[in-house]
């Protein structure tokens, strides 16, 4: 089962996470949308490890 998650991330460049089907980055609104079979917590943890301010949007 695939899920779509949206995170607000302070960012200056984009990159793709391992095991992720699709990543949409909206630099203007500072949003990252992730389509993956991984849990929302796992994706949040991975993004947070970059040191960027991150919050779950949906």
N, C-alpha and C. Protein backbone atom coordinates (compact mmCIF):
# COMPACT_ATOMS: atom_id res chain seq x y z
N UNK A 1 0.84 -1.17 0.00
CA UNK A 1 0.00 0.00 0.00
C UNK A 1 0.89 1.24 0.00
N UNK A 2 0.62 2.17 -0.90
CA UNK A 2 1.37 3.42 -0.97
C UNK A 2 0.63 4.51 -0.21
N UNK A 3 1.40 5.38 0.40
CA UNK A 3 0.84 6.51 1.13
C UNK A 3 1.48 7.78 0.61
N UNK A 4 0.78 8.88 0.74
CA UNK A 4 1.31 10.19 0.38
C UNK A 4 1.36 11.03 1.64
N UNK A 5 2.54 11.59 1.94
CA UNK A 5 2.74 12.42 3.12
C UNK A 5 3.26 13.77 2.70
N UNK A 6 2.90 14.80 3.45
CA UNK A 6 3.38 16.15 3.16
C UNK A 6 4.09 16.68 4.40
N UNK A 7 5.28 17.25 4.20
CA UNK A 7 6.08 17.80 5.29
C UNK A 7 6.50 19.22 4.94
N UNK A 8 6.52 20.10 5.93
CA UNK A 8 7.07 21.44 5.74
C UNK A 8 8.53 21.36 6.16
N UNK A 9 9.44 21.71 5.24
CA UNK A 9 10.87 21.54 5.48
C UNK A 9 11.60 22.82 5.07
N UNK A 10 12.40 23.37 5.97
CA UNK A 10 13.27 24.49 5.62
C UNK A 10 14.37 23.92 4.73
N UNK A 11 14.50 24.41 3.49
CA UNK A 11 15.45 23.80 2.56
C UNK A 11 16.04 24.82 1.61
N UNK A 12 17.20 24.43 1.06
CA UNK A 12 17.86 25.25 0.06
C UNK A 12 18.15 24.47 -1.21
N UNK A 13 18.07 23.14 -1.16
CA UNK A 13 18.26 22.32 -2.35
C UNK A 13 17.40 21.07 -2.21
N UNK A 14 17.25 20.29 -3.30
CA UNK A 14 16.39 19.11 -3.26
C UNK A 14 17.21 17.84 -3.42
N UNK A 15 16.64 16.74 -2.99
CA UNK A 15 17.27 15.43 -3.11
C UNK A 15 16.23 14.35 -2.94
N UNK A 16 16.54 13.16 -3.37
CA UNK A 16 15.59 12.06 -3.29
C UNK A 16 16.03 11.08 -2.22
N UNK A 17 15.10 10.67 -1.36
CA UNK A 17 15.37 9.71 -0.30
C UNK A 17 15.33 8.30 -0.85
N UNK A 18 16.13 7.42 -0.27
CA UNK A 18 16.16 6.02 -0.67
C UNK A 18 14.80 5.37 -0.37
N UNK A 19 14.38 4.41 -1.21
CA UNK A 19 13.13 3.65 -1.05
C UNK A 19 11.88 4.52 -1.16
N UNK A 20 11.95 5.62 -1.85
CA UNK A 20 10.81 6.52 -2.02
C UNK A 20 10.40 6.49 -3.48
N UNK A 21 9.09 6.32 -3.73
CA UNK A 21 8.60 6.24 -5.10
C UNK A 21 8.59 7.60 -5.79
N UNK A 22 8.18 8.64 -5.06
CA UNK A 22 8.12 9.97 -5.66
C UNK A 22 8.29 11.04 -4.58
N UNK A 23 8.99 12.10 -4.93
CA UNK A 23 9.16 13.26 -4.05
C UNK A 23 8.83 14.51 -4.86
N UNK A 24 7.93 15.33 -4.35
CA UNK A 24 7.61 16.60 -4.98
C UNK A 24 8.06 17.71 -4.03
N UNK A 25 8.90 18.60 -4.53
CA UNK A 25 9.45 19.66 -3.69
C UNK A 25 8.92 21.00 -4.19
N UNK A 26 8.27 21.72 -3.29
CA UNK A 26 7.72 23.04 -3.56
C UNK A 26 8.57 24.05 -2.78
N UNK A 27 9.61 24.58 -3.44
CA UNK A 27 10.54 25.49 -2.77
C UNK A 27 9.84 26.78 -2.31
N UNK A 28 8.93 27.30 -3.13
CA UNK A 28 8.25 28.55 -2.79
C UNK A 28 7.50 28.44 -1.46
N UNK A 29 6.80 27.32 -1.26
CA UNK A 29 6.02 27.12 -0.03
C UNK A 29 6.75 26.27 1.01
N UNK A 30 8.01 25.87 0.68
CA UNK A 30 8.83 25.08 1.60
C UNK A 30 8.14 23.78 2.00
N UNK A 31 7.56 23.06 1.00
CA UNK A 31 6.86 21.80 1.24
C UNK A 31 7.50 20.66 0.47
N UNK A 32 7.54 19.49 1.09
CA UNK A 32 8.00 18.26 0.45
C UNK A 32 6.86 17.26 0.55
N UNK A 33 6.42 16.71 -0.59
CA UNK A 33 5.40 15.67 -0.61
C UNK A 33 6.08 14.37 -1.01
N UNK A 34 5.88 13.32 -0.21
CA UNK A 34 6.56 12.03 -0.39
C UNK A 34 5.53 10.94 -0.63
N UNK A 35 5.71 10.15 -1.71
CA UNK A 35 4.89 8.97 -1.97
C UNK A 35 5.77 7.76 -1.69
N UNK A 36 5.36 6.92 -0.74
CA UNK A 36 6.20 5.81 -0.30
C UNK A 36 5.37 4.76 0.41
N UNK A 37 5.93 3.57 0.55
CA UNK A 37 5.30 2.53 1.35
C UNK A 37 5.84 2.56 2.78
N UNK A 38 6.84 3.41 3.05
CA UNK A 38 7.41 3.55 4.39
C UNK A 38 6.45 4.34 5.27
N UNK A 39 6.62 4.24 6.59
CA UNK A 39 5.75 4.96 7.52
C UNK A 39 6.08 6.45 7.52
N UNK A 40 5.08 7.24 7.90
CA UNK A 40 5.26 8.68 8.01
C UNK A 40 6.35 9.00 9.02
N UNK A 41 6.38 8.26 10.14
CA UNK A 41 7.40 8.48 11.16
C UNK A 41 8.81 8.26 10.61
N UNK A 42 8.99 7.22 9.78
CA UNK A 42 10.31 6.92 9.20
C UNK A 42 10.76 8.05 8.28
N UNK A 43 9.85 8.55 7.44
CA UNK A 43 10.19 9.64 6.53
C UNK A 43 10.49 10.91 7.33
N UNK A 44 9.67 11.21 8.34
CA UNK A 44 9.90 12.38 9.19
C UNK A 44 11.26 12.30 9.87
N UNK A 45 11.58 11.14 10.42
CA UNK A 45 12.87 10.92 11.09
C UNK A 45 14.03 11.15 10.12
N UNK A 46 13.90 10.62 8.91
CA UNK A 46 14.96 10.74 7.91
C UNK A 46 15.19 12.19 7.51
N UNK A 47 14.10 12.92 7.27
CA UNK A 47 14.22 14.34 6.90
C UNK A 47 14.79 15.13 8.08
N UNK A 48 14.33 14.85 9.28
CA UNK A 48 14.79 15.57 10.48
C UNK A 48 16.28 15.41 10.70
N UNK A 49 16.83 14.27 10.33
CA UNK A 49 18.26 14.00 10.51
C UNK A 49 19.13 14.94 9.68
N UNK A 50 18.54 15.62 8.69
CA UNK A 50 19.31 16.57 7.88
C UNK A 50 19.60 17.85 8.66
N UNK A 51 18.93 18.02 9.81
CA UNK A 51 19.12 19.22 10.60
C UNK A 51 18.20 20.36 10.21
N UNK A 52 17.38 20.13 9.19
CA UNK A 52 16.44 21.16 8.74
C UNK A 52 15.20 21.15 9.63
N UNK A 53 14.63 22.33 9.90
CA UNK A 53 13.38 22.41 10.64
C UNK A 53 12.31 21.69 9.83
N UNK A 54 11.65 20.72 10.46
CA UNK A 54 10.68 19.88 9.76
C UNK A 54 9.43 19.73 10.61
N UNK A 55 8.26 19.82 9.98
CA UNK A 55 7.01 19.55 10.69
C UNK A 55 6.08 18.78 9.76
N UNK A 56 5.27 17.90 10.34
CA UNK A 56 4.31 17.11 9.56
C UNK A 56 3.12 17.99 9.23
N UNK A 57 2.75 18.04 7.94
CA UNK A 57 1.61 18.82 7.48
C UNK A 57 0.40 17.91 7.30
N UNK A 58 0.59 16.75 6.68
CA UNK A 58 -0.50 15.78 6.50
C UNK A 58 0.07 14.41 6.23
